Amino acid sequence: MFCAQKITPNWMMPPRMATSTGRTSANSATPFLELRYLDAGDVDLGLAYDDIAPQLWLRAGGRGPIAPRLDAAGSPLPYVWTERYGVLFDEDRWRGFVADRPEAATTAFIVTYSPTVFAGIVAELPPSMDTVRLYDTYLSLFLPGRGRA
């Protein structure tokens, strides 16, 4: 269950910790999340998105589905939108990301190292949209001795 864990303003969990979705309550659609350690190898290979996806979902308001990284066939998506938020994984696909934005979406997570690319994409989104830049190695922020403490 996701409790007793303080989320810092930049939405980073303590080193090597992330959430993963669990079952839902029998009486409601409230998801149960568990806090667990991430495998360093999975993080380095970029295979831990599903473990931090609930944190992005919470940052975007915690309503609706959690955005998946893979399509139904198991292939990585260049970007994904839910009705509340989106994640752009491939900065070269930003035009499709902007064009496919649902009207009700309020948050966009953009994975890029470049502040110039980030600013250019943000300029194409509505000014009221909450935009968050994630680095290509954003998953490494969840490992001890890496990223910001």
Protein backbone atom coordinates (compact mmCIF):
# COMPACT_ATOMS: atom_id res chain seq x y z
CA MET A 1 0.00 0.00 0.00
CA PHE A 2 1.29 3.44 -0.83
CA CYS A 3 1.56 5.14 2.53
CA ALA A 4 4.17 6.29 5.00
CA GLN A 5 6.30 7.50 2.13
CA LYS A 6 6.85 11.20 1.66
CA ILE A 7 6.94 12.35 -1.95
CA THR A 8 9.41 15.18 -2.41
CA PRO A 9 8.46 18.20 -4.55
CA ASN A 10 10.41 16.91 -7.55
CA TRP A 11 8.57 13.60 -7.17
CA MET A 12 11.60 11.47 -6.53
CA MET A 13 11.42 8.57 -4.12
CA PRO A 14 14.34 7.77 -1.81
CA PRO A 15 17.21 5.88 -3.49
CA ARG A 16 16.30 2.66 -5.29
CA MET A 17 12.67 2.76 -4.24
CA ALA A 18 9.64 2.89 -6.44
CA THR A 19 6.02 1.88 -6.42
CA SER A 20 4.32 -0.85 -8.34
CA THR A 21 0.67 -1.37 -8.86
CA GLY A 22 -1.08 -4.11 -7.03
CA ARG A 23 -4.65 -5.21 -6.76
CA THR A 24 -7.62 -2.92 -6.40
CA SER A 25 -9.96 -2.82 -3.46
CA ALA A 26 -13.00 -5.08 -3.67
CA ASN A 27 -15.20 -2.12 -2.71
CA SER A 28 -13.74 0.54 -5.00
CA ALA A 29 -11.46 1.28 -7.89
CA THR A 30 -8.75 2.55 -5.54
CA PRO A 31 -5.43 0.96 -6.47
CA PHE A 32 -3.15 -0.46 -3.82
CA LEU A 33 0.48 0.45 -4.45
CA GLU A 34 3.46 -1.13 -2.81
CA LEU A 35 6.84 0.43 -2.17
CA ARG A 36 9.74 -1.75 -3.22
CA TYR A 37 13.39 -1.67 -4.21
CA LEU A 38 14.36 -1.57 -7.88
CA ASP A 39 16.97 -3.81 -9.43
CA ALA A 40 19.93 -1.67 -10.53
CA GLY A 41 20.36 -3.65 -13.76
CA ASP A 42 16.72 -3.13 -14.74
CA VAL A 43 17.07 0.59 -14.10
CA ASP A 44 20.25 0.84 -16.19
CA LEU A 45 18.57 -1.01 -19.06
CA GLY A 46 15.50 1.22 -18.91
CA LEU A 47 13.27 -1.68 -17.89
CA ALA A 48 11.85 -0.15 -14.71
CA TYR A 49 9.31 2.30 -16.15
CA ASP A 50 6.37 0.22 -14.92
CA ASP A 51 7.75 0.57 -11.40
CA ILE A 52 7.78 4.36 -11.44
CA ALA A 53 4.70 4.86 -13.62
CA PRO A 54 2.46 5.10 -10.51
CA GLN A 55 4.56 8.05 -9.31
CA LEU A 56 3.98 9.88 -12.59
CA TRP A 57 0.29 9.02 -12.32
CA LEU A 58 0.20 10.45 -8.77
CA ARG A 59 2.08 13.57 -9.91
CA ALA A 60 -0.56 14.05 -12.63
CA GLY A 61 -3.43 13.89 -10.16
CA GLY A 62 -3.87 10.17 -9.51
CA ARG A 63 -7.01 9.76 -11.62
CA GLY A 64 -7.70 7.50 -14.58
CA PRO A 65 -5.43 4.73 -15.80
CA ILE A 66 -1.67 4.58 -15.35
CA ALA A 67 0.08 5.23 -18.70
CA PRO A 68 1.72 2.07 -20.10
CA ARG A 69 5.18 2.01 -21.71
CA LEU A 70 4.38 -0.84 -24.12
CA ASP A 71 1.59 -1.37 -26.63
CA ALA A 72 -0.61 -4.49 -26.68
CA ALA A 73 1.99 -6.37 -28.76
CA GLY A 74 4.73 -5.56 -26.21
CA SER A 75 6.53 -2.97 -28.34
CA PRO A 76 7.77 0.26 -26.75
CA LEU A 77 5.59 3.28 -27.44
CA PRO A 78 7.19 6.57 -28.58
CA TYR A 79 4.64 8.38 -26.40
CA VAL A 80 1.44 7.64 -24.54
CA TRP A 81 -1.53 9.72 -23.38
CA THR A 82 -4.23 8.96 -20.86
CA GLU A 83 -7.13 11.34 -20.40
CA ARG A 84 -5.14 13.14 -17.64
CA TYR A 85 -1.48 13.02 -18.64
CA GLY A 86 1.05 11.91 -21.23
CA VAL A 87 4.64 10.73 -21.40
CA LEU A 88 6.84 11.45 -24.42
CA PHE A 89 9.56 8.77 -24.50
CA ASP A 90 11.01 9.60 -27.93
CA GLU A 91 11.61 13.33 -28.40
CA ASP A 92 11.74 12.86 -32.18
CA ARG A 93 8.02 11.98 -32.08
CA TRP A 94 6.97 15.22 -30.37
CA ARG A 95 4.65 16.34 -33.19
CA GLY A 96 2.46 13.26 -32.77
CA PHE A 97 2.59 13.70 -28.99
CA VAL A 98 1.32 17.28 -29.27
CA ALA A 99 -1.29 16.44 -31.93
CA ASP A 100 -2.71 13.47 -29.99
CA ARG A 101 -3.05 15.36 -26.69
CA PRO A 102 -6.49 14.83 -25.17
CA GLU A 103 -8.32 18.07 -24.44
CA ALA A 104 -8.68 17.15 -20.74
CA ALA A 105 -4.97 16.31 -20.23
CA THR A 106 -3.27 18.56 -17.69
CA THR A 107 0.26 17.15 -17.35
CA ALA A 108 2.98 16.21 -19.84
CA PHE A 109 6.18 14.33 -18.94
CA ILE A 110 8.86 14.81 -21.60
CA VAL A 111 11.94 12.57 -21.62
CA THR A 112 14.91 14.57 -22.94
CA TYR A 113 18.32 15.83 -21.88
CA SER A 114 18.02 18.97 -23.95
CA PRO A 115 16.53 22.08 -22.34
CA THR A 116 16.12 23.52 -25.85
CA VAL A 117 14.10 20.54 -27.09
CA PHE A 118 12.06 20.58 -23.90
CA ALA A 119 11.29 24.31 -24.30
CA GLY A 120 10.34 23.83 -27.94
CA ILE A 121 7.87 21.06 -27.12
CA VAL A 122 6.43 22.99 -24.17
CA ALA A 123 5.86 25.97 -26.49
CA GLU A 124 3.57 23.76 -28.61
CA LEU A 125 1.46 22.68 -25.62
CA PRO A 126 -1.19 24.84 -23.94
CA PRO A 127 0.31 27.33 -21.45
CA SER A 128 -1.88 25.94 -18.69
CA MET A 129 -0.39 22.44 -19.05
CA ASP A 130 1.92 21.28 -16.26
CA THR A 131 5.10 20.12 -18.01
CA VAL A 132 7.86 18.05 -16.42
CA ARG A 133 11.21 17.21 -17.98
CA LEU A 134 12.53 13.72 -17.33
CA TYR A 135 16.07 12.90 -18.40
CA ASP A 136 16.77 9.85 -20.57
CA THR A 137 18.31 8.29 -17.48
CA TYR A 138 15.49 9.39 -15.15
CA LEU A 139 15.19 5.87 -13.78
CA SER A 140 18.77 6.12 -12.44
CA LEU A 141 17.57 8.79 -10.02
CA PHE A 142 16.11 5.95 -8.00
CA LEU A 143 19.51 4.35 -7.36
CA PRO A 144 21.80 5.25 -4.44
CA GLY A 145 24.71 7.53 -5.27
CA ARG A 146 23.18 8.71 -8.56
CA GLY A 147 21.10 11.67 -9.50
CA ARG A 148 20.10 14.20 -6.88
CA ALA A 149 19.86 13.23 -3.25
